[in-house]
Amino acid sequence: MNLKRRLILLLGDPDISQREFEDVKQWLRGGGLAKCLRDAEDIRKILLHSHNSSLSIGGRKNSQEPDDPAVAEVSRLLRIEAGMTARSALDLLADALGREVRFPERIGFADGVLRLVREYGPSSVVAAAQQIRNQEIHGSPTTNWPLRHGR
């Protein structure tokens, strides 16, 4: 699906209240679009730089950056879209999944997400991340995929 269509579908999402939609329209008309485009450009530069710096000589990724689709999706939802720190994202994700054991203080984000994926499965972890992201951004945990506990 192309980016223009995804943007239109995002704005047309029925989970967004009419008031939120009107606020976004007002913001876009009042110069928010230019700011949005600048912010998107900045994010793209940061992510591109981050991606390039994670490559080692020979074009291989560093071992501390696992190439796991669930980790990438959870990172996009919680770190990028919701703007959360790695620690708060991991803690909220573990809580949402019902994990009772806390992560060690010095665990990396990707390692923590991979542990959750091994314990609960990738679809449950991503669904929980979607709910947290929706709560942070829209104030509503609504998602198209209800979270099921257990495997």
Foldseek 3Di string as FASTA:
>chain_A
DDPVVVVVCVLVPPVADPVNSVVVVVCVVVVVVVVVVVVVVVVVVVVVVVVVVQADPPRHGDPVDDPDPLLVLLCCLCCPLLVDDLQVSLVQLCVLQVNPDDDPPPDGSSVSLVVVCVFANSVLSNLSSQQVSCCSPRVGSDDPDDHDHHD
